[in-house]
PDB file of N, CA and C in Angstrom:
ATOM      1  N   UNK A   1      86.707 102.417 112.865  1.00  0.00           N
ATOM      2  CA  UNK A   1      86.819 103.294 111.717  1.00  0.00           C
ATOM      3  C   UNK A   1      88.274 103.347 111.252  1.00  0.00           C
ATOM      4  N   UNK A   2      88.474 103.268 109.953  1.00  0.00           N
ATOM      5  CA  UNK A   2      89.819 103.281 109.389  1.00  0.00           C
ATOM      6  C   UNK A   2      90.407 104.692 109.420  1.00  0.00           C
ATOM      7  N   UNK A   3      91.717 104.774 109.700  1.00  0.00           N
ATOM      8  CA  UNK A   3      92.395 106.071 109.714  1.00  0.00           C
ATOM      9  C   UNK A   3      93.091 106.352 108.392  1.00  0.00           C
ATOM     10  N   UNK A   4      92.939 105.436 107.395  1.00  0.00           N
ATOM     11  CA  UNK A   4      93.536 105.623 106.078  1.00  0.00           C
ATOM     12  C   UNK A   4      92.774 106.706 105.329  1.00  0.00           C
ATOM     13  N   UNK A   5      93.508 107.633 104.738  1.00  0.00           N
ATOM     14  CA  UNK A   5      92.883 108.706 103.964  1.00  0.00           C
ATOM     15  C   UNK A   5      92.284 108.112 102.703  1.00  0.00           C
ATOM     16  N   UNK A   6      90.985 108.310 102.502  1.00  0.00           N
ATOM     17  CA  UNK A   6      90.323 107.804 101.318  1.00  0.00           C
ATOM     18  C   UNK A   6      90.428 108.829 100.202  1.00  0.00           C
ATOM     19  N   UNK A   7      90.833 108.371  99.027  1.00  0.00           N
ATOM     20  CA  UNK A   7      90.969 109.257  97.877  1.00  0.00           C
ATOM     21  C   UNK A   7      89.629 109.402  97.164  1.00  0.00           C
ATOM     22  N   UNK A   8      89.396 110.559  96.575  1.00  0.00           N
ATOM     23  CA  UNK A   8      88.184 110.816  95.805  1.00  0.00           C
ATOM     24  C   UNK A   8      88.545 110.937  94.325  1.00  0.00           C
ATOM     25  N   UNK A   9      87.695 110.401  93.478  1.00  0.00           N
ATOM     26  CA  UNK A   9      87.887 110.455  92.030  1.00  0.00           C
ATOM     27  C   UNK A   9      87.993 111.911  91.583  1.00  0.00           C
ATOM     28  N   UNK A  10      88.984 112.208  90.740  1.00  0.00           N
ATOM     29  CA  UNK A  10      89.182 113.567  90.245  1.00  0.00           C
ATOM     30  C   UNK A  10      88.124 113.982  89.225  1.00  0.00           C
ATOM     31  N   UNK A  11      87.232 113.072  88.829  1.00  0.00           N
ATOM     32  CA  UNK A  11      86.158 113.447  87.915  1.00  0.00           C
ATOM     33  C   UNK A  11      84.821 113.517  88.651  1.00  0.00           C
ATOM     34  N   UNK A  12      84.443 112.433  89.348  1.00  0.00           N
ATOM     35  CA  UNK A  12      83.095 112.370  89.938  1.00  0.00           C
ATOM     36  C   UNK A  12      83.068 112.438  91.462  1.00  0.00           C
ATOM     37  N   UNK A  13      84.233 112.407  92.094  1.00  0.00           N
ATOM     38  CA  UNK A  13      84.370 112.499  93.558  1.00  0.00           C
ATOM     39  C   UNK A  13      83.946 111.254  94.335  1.00  0.00           C
ATOM     40  N   UNK A  14      83.670 110.142  93.640  1.00  0.00           N
ATOM     41  CA  UNK A  14      83.390 108.897  94.353  1.00  0.00           C
ATOM     42  C   UNK A  14      84.693 108.351  94.932  1.00  0.00           C
ATOM     43  N   UNK A  15      84.612 107.457  95.930  1.00  0.00           N
ATOM     44  CA  UNK A  15      85.836 106.871  96.501  1.00  0.00           C
ATOM     45  C   UNK A  15      86.616 106.087  95.451  1.00  0.00           C
ATOM     46  N   UNK A  16      87.935 106.141  95.546  1.00  0.00           N
ATOM     47  CA  UNK A  16      88.826 105.442  94.617  1.00  0.00           C
ATOM     48  C   UNK A  16      89.305 104.145  95.270  1.00  0.00           C
ATOM     49  N   UNK A  17      89.154 102.999  94.581  1.00  0.00           N
ATOM     50  CA  UNK A  17      89.664 101.740  95.129  1.00  0.00           C
ATOM     51  C   UNK A  17      91.189 101.768  95.196  1.00  0.00           C
ATOM     52  N   UNK A  18      91.795 100.926  96.039  1.00  0.00           N
ATOM     53  CA  UNK A  18      93.257 100.933  96.207  1.00  0.00           C
ATOM     54  C   UNK A  18      94.045 100.834  94.904  1.00  0.00           C
ATOM     55  N   UNK A  19      93.587 100.089  93.935  1.00  0.00           N
ATOM     56  CA  UNK A  19      94.299  99.952  92.657  1.00  0.00           C
ATOM     57  C   UNK A  19      93.578 100.678  91.537  1.00  0.00           C
ATOM     58  N   UNK A  20      92.887 101.775  91.862  1.00  0.00           N
ATOM     59  CA  UNK A  20      92.144 102.540  90.868  1.00  0.00           C
ATOM     60  C   UNK A  20      93.059 103.151  89.820  1.00  0.00           C
ATOM     61  N   UNK A  21      92.519 103.401  88.624  1.00  0.00           N
ATOM     62  CA  UNK A  21      93.321 104.005  87.560  1.00  0.00           C
ATOM     63  C   UNK A  21      93.826 105.385  87.962  1.00  0.00           C
ATOM     64  N   UNK A  22      94.991 105.741  87.493  1.00  0.00           N
ATOM     65  CA  UNK A  22      95.523 107.070  87.770  1.00  0.00           C
ATOM     66  C   UNK A  22      96.379 107.570  86.614  1.00  0.00           C
ATOM     67  N   UNK A  23      96.591 108.862  86.580  1.00  0.00           N
ATOM     68  CA  UNK A  23      97.447 109.510  85.588  1.00  0.00           C
ATOM     69  C   UNK A  23      98.439 110.380  86.321  1.00  0.00           C
ATOM     70  N   UNK A  24      99.665 110.415  85.833  1.00  0.00           N
ATOM     71  CA  UNK A  24     100.668 111.310  86.392  1.00  0.00           C
ATOM     72  C   UNK A  24     100.918 112.400  85.352  1.00  0.00           C
ATOM     73  N   UNK A  25     100.656 113.639  85.749  1.00  0.00           N
ATOM     74  CA  UNK A  25     100.845 114.796  84.870  1.00  0.00           C
ATOM     75  C   UNK A  25     101.872 115.709  85.513  1.00  0.00           C
ATOM     76  N   UNK A  26     103.120 115.555  85.120  1.00  0.00           N
ATOM     77  CA  UNK A  26     104.191 116.334  85.740  1.00  0.00           C
ATOM     78  C   UNK A  26     104.334 115.961  87.206  1.00  0.00           C
ATOM     79  N   UNK A  27     104.127 116.924  88.098  1.00  0.00           N
ATOM     80  CA  UNK A  27     104.230 116.648  89.536  1.00  0.00           C
ATOM     81  C   UNK A  27     102.869 116.378  90.161  1.00  0.00           C
ATOM     82  N   UNK A  28     101.844 116.231  89.340  1.00  0.00           N
ATOM     83  CA  UNK A  28     100.480 116.028  89.825  1.00  0.00           C
ATOM     84  C   UNK A  28      99.999 114.624  89.473  1.00  0.00           C
ATOM     85  N   UNK A  29      99.323 113.969  90.406  1.00  0.00           N
ATOM     86  CA  UNK A  29      98.759 112.646  90.146  1.00  0.00           C
ATOM     87  C   UNK A  29      97.249 112.710  90.273  1.00  0.00           C
ATOM     88  N   UNK A  30      96.557 112.298  89.217  1.00  0.00           N
ATOM     89  CA  UNK A  30      95.099 112.255  89.227  1.00  0.00           C
ATOM     90  C   UNK A  30      94.671 110.819  89.466  1.00  0.00           C
ATOM     91  N   UNK A  31      93.620 110.629  90.261  1.00  0.00           N
ATOM     92  CA  UNK A  31      93.106 109.289  90.544  1.00  0.00           C
ATOM     93  C   UNK A  31      91.639 109.220  90.133  1.00  0.00           C
ATOM     94  N   UNK A  32      91.216 108.026  89.734  1.00  0.00           N
ATOM     95  CA  UNK A  32      89.851 107.833  89.253  1.00  0.00           C
ATOM     96  C   UNK A  32      89.252 106.583  89.877  1.00  0.00           C
ATOM     97  N   UNK A  33      87.924 106.581  90.037  1.00  0.00           N
ATOM     98  CA  UNK A  33      87.250 105.429  90.638  1.00  0.00           C
ATOM     99  C   UNK A  33      87.122 104.276  89.653  1.00  0.00           C
ATOM    100  N   UNK A  34      87.177 104.593  88.342  1.00  0.00           N
ATOM    101  CA  UNK A  34      87.012 103.550  87.329  1.00  0.00           C
ATOM    102  C   UNK A  34      87.619 104.002  85.996  1.00  0.00           C
ATOM    103  N   UNK A  35      87.748 103.061  85.075  1.00  0.00           N
ATOM    104  CA  UNK A  35      88.287 103.357  83.744  1.00  0.00           C
ATOM    105  C   UNK A  35      87.386 104.330  82.980  1.00  0.00           C
ATOM    106  N   UNK A  36      86.071 104.275  83.238  1.00  0.00           N
ATOM    107  CA  UNK A  36      85.134 105.176  82.571  1.00  0.00           C
ATOM    108  C   UNK A  36      85.416 106.636  82.905  1.00  0.00           C
ATOM    109  N   UNK A  37      85.609 106.914  84.192  1.00  0.00           N
ATOM    110  CA  UNK A  37      85.911 108.289  84.610  1.00  0.00           C
ATOM    111  C   UNK A  37      87.249 108.746  84.042  1.00  0.00           C
ATOM    112  N   UNK A  38      88.231 107.845  84.024  1.00  0.00           N
ATOM    113  CA  UNK A  38      89.529 108.199  83.452  1.00  0.00           C
ATOM    114  C   UNK A  38      89.372 108.527  81.965  1.00  0.00           C
ATOM    115  N   UNK A  39      88.591 107.732  81.249  1.00  0.00           N
ATOM    116  CA  UNK A  39      88.374 107.963  79.821  1.00  0.00           C
ATOM    117  C   UNK A  39      87.656 109.280  79.559  1.00  0.00           C
ATOM    118  N   UNK A  40      86.656 109.598  80.358  1.00  0.00           N
ATOM    119  CA  UNK A  40      85.931 110.859  80.195  1.00  0.00           C
ATOM    120  C   UNK A  40      86.862 112.030  80.493  1.00  0.00           C
ATOM    121  N   UNK A  41      87.684 111.915  81.547  1.00  0.00           N
ATOM    122  CA  UNK A  41      88.632 112.987  81.870  1.00  0.00           C
ATOM    123  C   UNK A  41      89.578 113.211  80.696  1.00  0.00           C
ATOM    124  N   UNK A  42      90.075 112.110  80.098  1.00  0.00           N
ATOM    125  CA  UNK A  42      90.975 112.216  78.950  1.00  0.00           C
ATOM    126  C   UNK A  42      90.291 112.920  77.774  1.00  0.00           C
ATOM    127  N   UNK A  43      89.008 112.570  77.524  1.00  0.00           N
ATOM    128  CA  UNK A  43      88.273 113.198  76.428  1.00  0.00           C
ATOM    129  C   UNK A  43      88.120 114.701  76.659  1.00  0.00           C
ATOM    130  N   UNK A  44      87.798 115.070  77.878  1.00  0.00           N
ATOM    131  CA  UNK A  44      87.582 116.478  78.205  1.00  0.00           C
ATOM    132  C   UNK A  44      88.877 117.282  78.258  1.00  0.00           C
ATOM    133  N   UNK A  45      90.005 116.594  78.444  1.00  0.00           N
ATOM    134  CA  UNK A  45      91.291 117.272  78.592  1.00  0.00           C
ATOM    135  C   UNK A  45      92.304 116.773  77.574  1.00  0.00           C
ATOM    136  N   UNK A  46      91.874 116.610  76.330  1.00  0.00           N
ATOM    137  CA  UNK A  46      92.772 116.118  75.288  1.00  0.00           C
ATOM    138  C   UNK A  46      94.022 116.987  75.218  1.00  0.00           C
ATOM    139  N   UNK A  47      95.158 116.343  75.112  1.00  0.00           N
ATOM    140  CA  UNK A  47      96.425 117.049  75.055  1.00  0.00           C
ATOM    141  C   UNK A  47      97.070 117.222  76.420  1.00  0.00           C
ATOM    142  N   UNK A  48      96.304 117.082  77.487  1.00  0.00           N
ATOM    143  CA  UNK A  48      96.857 117.250  78.836  1.00  0.00           C
ATOM    144  C   UNK A  48      97.369 115.928  79.405  1.00  0.00           C
ATOM    145  N   UNK A  49      96.829 114.813  78.941  1.00  0.00           N
ATOM    146  CA  UNK A  49      97.161 113.505  79.511  1.00  0.00           C
ATOM    147  C   UNK A  49      98.121 112.741  78.609  1.00  0.00           C
ATOM    148  N   UNK A  50      98.977 111.904  79.203  1.00  0.00           N
ATOM    149  CA  UNK A  50      99.876 111.055  78.406  1.00  0.00           C
ATOM    150  C   UNK A  50      99.093 109.985  77.643  1.00  0.00           C
ATOM    151  N   UNK A  51      99.744 109.316  76.737  1.00  0.00           N
ATOM    152  CA  UNK A  51      99.123 108.231  75.978  1.00  0.00           C
ATOM    153  C   UNK A  51      98.624 107.151  76.936  1.00  0.00           C
ATOM    154  N   UNK A  52      97.650 106.320  76.508  1.00  0.00           N
ATOM    155  CA  UNK A  52      97.070 105.300  77.376  1.00  0.00           C
ATOM    156  C   UNK A  52      98.033 104.251  77.928  1.00  0.00           C
ATOM    157  N   UNK A  53      99.313 104.326  77.649  1.00  0.00           N
ATOM    158  CA  UNK A  53     100.274 103.340  78.154  1.00  0.00           C
ATOM    159  C   UNK A  53     100.661 103.576  79.609  1.00  0.00           C
ATOM    160  N   UNK A  54     100.018 104.554  80.296  1.00  0.00           N
ATOM    161  CA  UNK A  54     100.368 104.827  81.694  1.00  0.00           C
ATOM    162  C   UNK A  54      99.899 103.696  82.599  1.00  0.00           C
ATOM    163  N   UNK A  55     100.351 103.704  83.845  1.00  0.00           N
ATOM    164  CA  UNK A  55      99.997 102.651  84.808  1.00  0.00           C
ATOM    165  C   UNK A  55      98.548 102.748  85.226  1.00  0.00           C
ATOM    166  N   UNK A  56      97.932 101.583  85.459  1.00  0.00           N
ATOM    167  CA  UNK A  56      96.542 101.554  85.931  1.00  0.00           C
ATOM    168  C   UNK A  56      96.474 101.559  87.446  1.00  0.00           C
ATOM    169  N   UNK A  57      97.465 100.997  88.117  1.00  0.00           N
ATOM    170  CA  UNK A  57      97.426 100.903  89.566  1.00  0.00           C
ATOM    171  C   UNK A  57      98.618 101.582  90.186  1.00  0.00           C
ATOM    172  N   UNK A  58      98.517 101.833  91.447  1.00  0.00           N
ATOM    173  CA  UNK A  58      99.610 102.480  92.186  1.00  0.00           C
ATOM    174  C   UNK A  58     100.686 101.459  92.515  1.00  0.00           C
ATOM    175  N   UNK A  59     101.892 101.882  92.494  1.00  0.00           N
ATOM    176  CA  UNK A  59     102.975 101.012  92.935  1.00  0.00           C
ATOM    177  C   UNK A  59     103.488 101.554  94.253  1.00  0.00           C
ATOM    178  N   UNK A  60     103.126 100.880  95.313  1.00  0.00           N
ATOM    179  CA  UNK A  60     103.549 101.315  96.652  1.00  0.00           C
ATOM    180  C   UNK A  60     104.159 100.171  97.391  1.00  0.00           C
TER     181      UNK A  60
END
């Protein structure tokens, strides 16, 4: 069993792949399992998210 902490999508709670889409909002980072969930989150939270030019994957 892996000891790596698995991230859950901030919209649907499914597991997030290692290079899953994410948004950085100030000091908070939201992660998503897919572009669809990220798009729905953006629609539901218009004005809270930066323009679509943000990074799609994590840089670690």
